[in-house]
């Protein structure tokens, strides 16, 4: 199957090309602003599906809106008619086609042209009025406030918020690509005979986006992670990370070091607990305490040792031998005093999870030897 993509090097186009490469038996015919113009005629003669994504949204002159958003559409449809190619055509419009501005008018003109083409030729036409699309690789300081704010905040640059209560309608790039691939397979989200939609659409205040982005930045300091149960937060966090400077992917953690080894907090969550890394020197015993409600999981990933337990109302001592050679999680139930001893000749590394972040005002930790 031969698929023509206009605007193939744009934000949506790049993602669509990657999505199509994961499908079998797809030949991609890429057309963009730098492509030899005669190739559009060649592609129009043999394509089996068209994704018409090319358009102008921030030209130097307003006349460019109509020249590209209407003119290129007219050229494309003219070439398809020339070759009697009635393959399905998807066109990217905008919710601004409903507005009375130069950009909106040019998009509306392009839509009308598509509708006339469908009636004249009988070809299947799919018109998508995109809201604001966000996700990785969207150009900052161009036409996406999400991209601009992600870039600036990730790179320690200032942002300007004119109206924190302004409502934005947003769709995520991966959801857009999923919908377009479904359209290619003949299963678009049809709103009526010609218009299709992307789901889900997120309605959110600009100020809420700003707060989330600054919380993402602060998470490197307070070690928290966003609430991944919220779909928008999950997608915005992924977007934010894609704007980190290339020399800023890593960040240091505070290691609490003493003669016994070290203990380092890694991740804290309000609802899923805390992860930490414990390093013990040879022969060192750590722990000898118990909890009323707090519970933990220990996973030795390097070295070898033993974890000992004693229920605080019993004299019986239980032993679990652990090693990085055989990964095994050991649950630490409440009501058992416990410790962990390094039995090897090298450092023992243990990944530790606790069901709640450490609270110095309520540690739920009571010292008692095993």
Protein backbone atom coordinates (compact mmCIF):
# COMPACT_ATOMS: atom_id res chain seq x y z
CA UNK A 1 0.00 0.00 0.00
CA UNK A 2 1.38 3.40 -1.02
CA UNK A 3 0.67 6.24 1.43
CA UNK A 4 1.26 9.87 0.51
CA UNK A 5 2.02 12.25 3.37
CA UNK A 6 2.23 15.98 2.70
CA UNK A 7 3.96 17.90 5.46
CA UNK A 8 5.92 14.75 6.27
CA UNK A 9 8.65 16.64 8.12
CA UNK A 10 6.24 18.56 10.33
CA UNK A 11 5.32 17.79 13.92
CA UNK A 12 2.46 15.40 13.14
CA UNK A 13 4.07 14.19 9.93
CA UNK A 14 7.24 12.95 11.63
CA UNK A 15 5.24 10.93 14.14
CA UNK A 16 2.97 9.54 11.44
CA UNK A 17 5.96 8.39 9.38
CA UNK A 18 7.28 6.52 12.43
CA UNK A 19 3.86 4.98 13.04
CA UNK A 20 3.55 3.81 9.44
CA UNK A 21 7.02 2.23 9.56
CA UNK A 22 5.68 -0.18 12.19
CA UNK A 23 3.06 -1.47 9.74
CA UNK A 24 3.69 -4.14 7.15
CA UNK A 25 3.54 -3.58 3.40
CA UNK A 26 3.44 0.25 3.59
CA UNK A 27 5.38 2.37 1.13
CA UNK A 28 5.64 5.95 2.37
CA UNK A 29 5.59 8.76 -0.21
CA UNK A 30 6.90 11.78 1.69
CA UNK A 31 6.26 15.29 0.44
CA UNK A 32 7.33 18.46 2.21
CA UNK A 33 8.30 22.05 1.53
CA UNK A 34 11.76 21.02 0.32
CA UNK A 35 10.56 18.15 -1.88
CA UNK A 36 10.84 18.55 -5.65
CA UNK A 37 7.41 19.84 -6.71
CA UNK A 38 7.11 17.47 -9.67
CA UNK A 39 7.13 14.54 -7.29
CA UNK A 40 3.67 15.48 -6.03
CA UNK A 41 2.31 14.70 -9.48
CA UNK A 42 4.09 11.33 -9.47
CA UNK A 43 2.86 10.48 -5.99
CA UNK A 44 -0.71 11.50 -6.81
CA UNK A 45 -0.73 9.05 -9.71
CA UNK A 46 0.04 6.00 -7.60
CA UNK A 47 -0.92 6.60 -3.95
CA UNK A 48 -3.58 4.48 -2.25
CA UNK A 49 -4.21 6.87 0.65
CA UNK A 50 -3.39 10.52 1.29
CA UNK A 51 -2.59 12.19 4.60
CA UNK A 52 -2.67 15.88 3.74
CA UNK A 53 -0.93 17.45 6.72
CA UNK A 54 0.93 20.31 5.03
CA UNK A 55 -0.21 23.79 5.98
CA UNK A 56 0.79 27.25 7.09
CA UNK A 57 0.01 28.47 10.59
CA UNK A 58 2.57 31.21 11.24
CA UNK A 59 3.67 32.63 7.89
CA UNK A 60 5.48 35.93 7.48
CA UNK A 61 2.60 37.31 5.43
CA UNK A 62 -1.10 36.65 5.91
CA UNK A 63 -1.53 35.87 2.22
CA UNK A 64 0.48 32.70 2.81
CA UNK A 65 -2.43 31.26 4.81
CA UNK A 66 -4.66 31.05 1.77
CA UNK A 67 -1.81 30.23 -0.62
CA UNK A 68 -0.82 27.12 1.34
CA UNK A 69 -3.90 26.00 3.25
CA UNK A 70 -6.16 26.46 0.24
CA UNK A 71 -3.79 26.59 -2.70
CA UNK A 72 -1.77 23.44 -1.95
CA UNK A 73 -4.99 21.57 -1.24
CA UNK A 74 -6.37 22.65 -4.61
CA UNK A 75 -3.16 21.55 -6.33
CA UNK A 76 -3.20 18.15 -4.63
CA UNK A 77 -6.85 17.49 -5.47
CA UNK A 78 -6.31 18.66 -9.03
CA UNK A 79 -3.51 16.14 -9.48
CA UNK A 80 -5.61 13.33 -8.03
CA UNK A 81 -8.40 14.19 -10.46
CA UNK A 82 -5.90 14.36 -13.31
CA UNK A 83 -4.88 10.76 -12.65
CA UNK A 84 -8.46 9.64 -11.84
CA UNK A 85 -7.20 8.56 -8.44
CA UNK A 86 -10.15 8.42 -6.03
CA UNK A 87 -8.23 7.03 -3.07
CA UNK A 88 -9.26 8.22 0.44
CA UNK A 89 -7.92 11.65 1.43
CA UNK A 90 -7.44 12.79 5.01
CA UNK A 91 -6.91 16.52 5.58
CA UNK A 92 -5.73 18.24 8.74
CA UNK A 93 -7.88 21.27 9.46
CA UNK A 94 -8.25 23.15 12.71
CA UNK A 95 -10.91 24.10 15.24
CA UNK A 96 -10.07 27.65 14.16
CA UNK A 97 -11.89 26.96 10.90
CA UNK A 98 -14.94 27.97 12.93
CA UNK A 99 -13.41 31.41 13.67
CA UNK A 100 -13.28 34.63 11.68
CA UNK A 101 -9.52 35.08 11.28
CA UNK A 102 -7.11 34.69 8.37
CA UNK A 103 -5.90 31.29 9.48
CA UNK A 104 -9.40 30.04 10.21
CA UNK A 105 -10.74 31.32 6.89
CA UNK A 106 -7.98 29.55 4.96
CA UNK A 107 -8.68 26.29 6.79
CA UNK A 108 -12.42 26.64 6.16
CA UNK A 109 -11.71 27.25 2.45
CA UNK A 110 -9.65 24.07 2.38
CA UNK A 111 -12.48 22.14 4.04
CA UNK A 112 -15.01 23.42 1.51
CA UNK A 113 -12.72 22.40 -1.31
CA UNK A 114 -12.49 18.89 0.14
CA UNK A 115 -16.26 18.62 0.43
CA UNK A 116 -16.71 19.70 -3.20
CA UNK A 117 -14.07 17.18 -4.26
CA UNK A 118 -15.86 14.36 -2.41
CA UNK A 119 -19.19 15.18 -4.09
CA UNK A 120 -17.58 15.49 -7.52
CA UNK A 121 -15.44 12.33 -7.46
CA UNK A 122 -17.08 10.09 -4.86
CA UNK A 123 -13.74 9.77 -3.08
CA UNK A 124 -13.77 9.21 0.67
CA UNK A 125 -12.77 12.40 2.47
CA UNK A 126 -11.81 12.62 6.14
CA UNK A 127 -11.60 16.11 7.66
CA UNK A 128 -10.02 16.48 11.10
CA UNK A 129 -10.42 19.81 12.92
CA UNK A 130 -7.46 19.45 15.27
CA UNK A 131 -7.38 21.27 18.59
CA UNK A 132 -3.92 22.13 19.94
CA UNK A 133 -1.68 19.08 19.63
CA UNK A 134 1.07 18.51 22.21
CA UNK A 135 3.86 15.99 22.59
CA UNK A 136 7.55 15.46 21.97
CA UNK A 137 9.33 17.35 19.16
CA UNK A 138 6.74 20.11 18.86
CA UNK A 139 8.58 23.33 18.03
CA UNK A 140 8.77 25.76 20.99
CA UNK A 141 8.24 29.52 20.57
CA UNK A 142 6.17 28.86 17.48
CA UNK A 143 2.46 28.09 17.83
CA UNK A 144 2.20 25.78 20.85
CA UNK A 145 2.12 27.23 24.34
CA UNK A 146 2.66 23.74 25.79
CA UNK A 147 5.83 23.26 23.76
CA UNK A 148 7.09 26.74 24.67
CA UNK A 149 6.41 26.31 28.40
CA UNK A 150 7.92 22.80 28.46
CA UNK A 151 11.05 24.05 26.72
CA UNK A 152 11.46 27.17 28.84
CA UNK A 153 10.81 25.55 32.21
CA UNK A 154 13.03 22.55 31.42
CA UNK A 155 15.81 24.94 30.37
CA UNK A 156 15.49 27.42 33.27
CA UNK A 157 14.00 30.13 31.07
CA UNK A 158 11.17 32.48 32.12
CA UNK A 159 7.60 32.11 30.89
CA UNK A 160 4.81 34.65 30.54
CA UNK A 161 1.26 33.76 31.58
CA UNK A 162 -1.27 36.34 30.44
CA UNK A 163 -4.36 34.53 31.71
CA UNK A 164 -3.96 31.52 33.98
CA UNK A 165 -7.71 30.81 33.69
CA UNK A 166 -7.62 30.53 29.90
CA UNK A 167 -9.03 27.15 28.85
CA UNK A 168 -7.11 25.05 26.35
CA UNK A 169 -8.40 22.15 24.27
CA UNK A 170 -5.56 19.68 23.79
CA UNK A 171 -4.96 16.35 22.13
CA UNK A 172 -1.84 14.23 22.55
CA UNK A 173 0.32 13.34 19.57
CA UNK A 174 0.21 9.58 20.20
CA UNK A 175 -3.60 9.70 20.30
CA UNK A 176 -3.57 11.63 17.02
CA UNK A 177 -1.35 9.04 15.36
CA UNK A 178 -3.46 6.16 16.67
CA UNK A 179 -6.54 7.79 15.17
CA UNK A 180 -4.84 8.41 11.81
CA UNK A 181 -3.64 4.82 11.61
CA UNK A 182 -7.18 3.66 12.38
CA UNK A 183 -8.41 5.91 9.58
CA UNK A 184 -5.94 4.28 7.22
CA UNK A 185 -7.36 0.90 8.21
CA UNK A 186 -10.88 2.13 7.50
CA UNK A 187 -11.95 2.77 11.10
CA UNK A 188 -11.90 6.56 11.70
CA UNK A 189 -13.76 8.18 14.58
CA UNK A 190 -16.54 9.55 12.41
CA UNK A 191 -18.51 12.57 13.64
CA UNK A 192 -20.58 12.84 10.45
CA UNK A 193 -20.20 11.93 6.78
CA UNK A 194 -16.95 13.85 6.32
CA UNK A 195 -15.69 15.13 9.68
CA UNK A 196 -13.75 12.98 12.12
CA UNK A 197 -12.41 13.54 15.61
CA UNK A 198 -9.56 12.72 17.99
CA UNK A 199 -10.20 11.30 21.44
CA UNK A 200 -9.61 12.10 24.19
CA UNK A 201 -9.67 15.90 24.14
CA UNK A 202 -8.33 17.47 27.33
CA UNK A 203 -9.92 20.70 28.53
CA UNK A 204 -7.57 22.30 31.03
CA UNK A 205 -6.68 25.76 32.33
CA UNK A 206 -3.34 27.25 31.33
CA UNK A 207 -2.49 27.86 34.98
CA UNK A 208 -2.98 24.17 35.79
CA UNK A 209 -0.53 23.25 33.03
CA UNK A 210 2.03 25.70 34.42
CA UNK A 211 1.63 24.29 37.94
CA UNK A 212 2.14 20.76 36.66
CA UNK A 213 5.23 21.69 34.67
CA UNK A 214 6.85 23.41 37.65
CA UNK A 215 6.01 20.38 39.82
CA UNK A 216 7.79 18.18 37.26
CA UNK A 217 10.85 20.38 37.53
CA UNK A 218 10.74 20.33 41.34
CA UNK A 219 10.38 16.54 41.39
CA UNK A 220 14.13 16.21 40.96
CA UNK A 221 14.54 17.93 44.31
CA UNK A 222 11.67 16.44 46.33
CA UNK A 223 12.04 13.04 44.58
CA UNK A 224 8.32 12.80 43.83
CA UNK A 225 6.83 11.41 40.63
CA UNK A 226 3.61 12.67 39.03
CA UNK A 227 0.29 10.90 39.42
CA UNK A 228 0.43 8.53 36.48
CA UNK A 229 -3.18 7.48 37.06
CA UNK A 230 -4.20 10.80 35.49
CA UNK A 231 -3.87 10.36 31.72
CA UNK A 232 -3.20 14.03 30.95
CA UNK A 233 -0.52 14.32 33.65
CA UNK A 234 1.17 11.17 32.35
CA UNK A 235 1.26 12.54 28.79
CA UNK A 236 2.35 16.03 29.82
CA UNK A 237 5.20 14.60 31.93
CA UNK A 238 6.43 12.56 28.96
CA UNK A 239 6.26 15.71 26.85
CA UNK A 240 8.15 17.77 29.44
CA UNK A 241 10.99 15.24 29.64
CA UNK A 242 11.50 15.44 25.88
CA UNK A 243 12.47 19.11 26.26
CA UNK A 244 15.24 18.53 28.81
CA UNK A 245 18.61 19.86 27.61
CA UNK A 246 20.80 17.07 26.24
CA UNK A 247 23.34 17.63 29.01
CA UNK A 248 20.63 17.59 31.68
CA UNK A 249 19.14 14.11 31.59
CA UNK A 250 20.76 13.10 34.91
CA UNK A 251 20.54 14.59 38.39
CA UNK A 252 22.34 13.74 41.65
CA UNK A 253 20.79 12.19 44.73
CA UNK A 254 21.70 12.91 48.35
CA UNK A 255 23.65 9.92 49.65
CA UNK A 256 23.61 9.49 53.43
CA UNK A 257 27.08 7.98 53.89
CA UNK A 258 28.75 6.61 57.03
CA UNK A 259 31.25 3.88 57.91
CA UNK A 260 28.60 1.20 57.38
CA UNK A 261 27.86 2.19 53.77
CA UNK A 262 25.12 4.50 52.49
CA UNK A 263 21.37 4.98 52.25
CA UNK A 264 19.87 7.00 49.40
CA UNK A 265 16.24 7.92 48.77
CA UNK A 266 15.33 7.57 45.10
CA UNK A 267 11.59 8.08 44.47
CA UNK A 268 8.71 9.19 46.69
CA UNK A 269 5.03 8.98 45.87
CA UNK A 270 2.04 9.97 48.02
CA UNK A 271 0.07 6.85 47.09
CA UNK A 272 2.67 4.21 46.10
CA UNK A 273 5.36 4.63 48.75
CA UNK A 274 9.09 5.28 48.56
CA UNK A 275 12.06 3.61 46.86
CA UNK A 276 15.57 3.76 48.30
CA UNK A 277 18.99 2.22 47.67
CA UNK A 278 20.91 0.75 50.62
CA UNK A 279 24.61 -0.13 50.36
CA UNK A 280 26.18 -2.17 53.19
CA UNK A 281 29.88 -2.79 53.74
CA UNK A 282 31.09 -6.38 54.40
CA UNK A 283 30.10 -7.64 57.86
CA UNK A 284 27.76 -4.72 58.53
CA UNK A 285 24.34 -5.24 60.10
CA UNK A 286 21.65 -2.62 59.49
CA UNK A 287 18.14 -2.34 60.88
CA UNK A 288 17.18 -3.86 64.23
CA UNK A 289 13.87 -2.06 64.34
CA UNK A 290 10.20 -2.77 63.72
CA UNK A 291 7.02 -0.96 62.60
CA UNK A 292 3.36 -0.96 63.62
CA UNK A 293 1.92 -0.35 60.14
CA UNK A 294 4.77 0.57 57.81
CA UNK A 295 5.82 -2.33 55.60
CA UNK A 296 8.69 -2.78 53.20
CA UNK A 297 10.13 -4.94 50.44
CA UNK A 298 13.87 -5.70 50.19
CA UNK A 299 15.59 -6.82 46.98
CA UNK A 300 19.32 -7.53 47.09
CA UNK A 301 20.70 -6.88 43.61
CA UNK A 302 24.43 -7.22 44.31
CA UNK A 303 26.38 -9.13 46.96
CA UNK A 304 25.01 -11.65 49.43
CA UNK A 305 23.57 -11.48 52.91
CA UNK A 306 20.86 -12.56 55.31
CA UNK A 307 17.67 -10.87 56.47
CA UNK A 308 16.60 -11.84 59.98
CA UNK A 309 13.15 -11.50 61.57
CA UNK A 310 11.71 -11.89 65.04
CA UNK A 311 8.12 -11.17 65.92
CA UNK A 312 8.35 -8.78 68.84
CA UNK A 313 6.25 -11.05 71.10
CA UNK A 314 8.34 -14.15 70.25
CA UNK A 315 11.89 -15.47 70.68
CA UNK A 316 11.96 -17.34 67.37
CA UNK A 317 14.39 -15.86 64.80
CA UNK A 318 13.75 -16.42 61.10
CA UNK A 319 16.50 -16.13 58.47
CA UNK A 320 16.23 -15.47 54.73
CA UNK A 321 19.48 -15.73 52.77
CA UNK A 322 19.63 -13.36 49.82
CA UNK A 323 21.96 -12.80 46.88
CA UNK A 324 22.29 -10.69 43.77
CA UNK A 325 22.86 -13.94 41.90
CA UNK A 326 19.24 -14.95 42.51
CA UNK A 327 16.86 -12.01 42.65
CA UNK A 328 14.19 -12.56 45.28
CA UNK A 329 11.93 -10.04 47.00
CA UNK A 330 11.58 -10.33 50.77
CA UNK A 331 8.51 -8.76 52.40
CA UNK A 332 9.04 -7.02 55.74
CA UNK A 333 5.74 -7.39 57.64
CA UNK A 334 4.77 -5.01 60.47
CA UNK A 335 5.28 -6.32 63.99
CA UNK A 336 8.59 -8.04 63.17
CA UNK A 337 11.88 -6.52 64.24
CA UNK A 338 14.33 -7.13 61.42
CA UNK A 339 17.87 -6.53 60.22
CA UNK A 340 20.00 -7.22 57.16
CA UNK A 341 23.64 -8.37 57.32
CA UNK A 342 26.24 -8.37 54.56
CA UNK A 343 27.83 -11.84 54.52
CA UNK A 344 30.05 -11.22 51.49
CA UNK A 345 33.46 -9.73 50.82
CA UNK A 346 32.14 -6.78 48.79
CA UNK A 347 29.44 -4.15 49.12
CA UNK A 348 25.88 -5.47 49.21
CA UNK A 349 23.32 -3.37 47.33
CA UNK A 350 19.66 -3.57 48.31
CA UNK A 351 16.70 -1.90 46.62
CA UNK A 352 14.20 -1.04 49.34
CA UNK A 353 10.55 -0.10 49.00
CA UNK A 354 8.43 1.29 51.85
CA UNK A 355 4.67 1.69 51.59
CA UNK A 356 4.88 5.36 52.60
CA UNK A 357 7.45 8.16 52.25
CA UNK A 358 9.60 8.75 55.32
CA UNK A 359 7.97 11.20 57.73
CA UNK A 360 10.38 12.44 60.43
CA UNK A 361 7.41 13.51 62.59
CA UNK A 362 5.84 10.07 62.49
CA UNK A 363 8.46 7.48 61.63
CA UNK A 364 6.55 4.40 62.88
CA UNK A 365 10.01 2.94 63.59
CA UNK A 366 11.01 1.41 66.97
CA UNK A 367 14.48 0.14 67.76
CA UNK A 368 14.79 -3.45 69.04
CA UNK A 369 17.51 -6.07 68.33
CA UNK A 370 16.47 -9.17 66.46
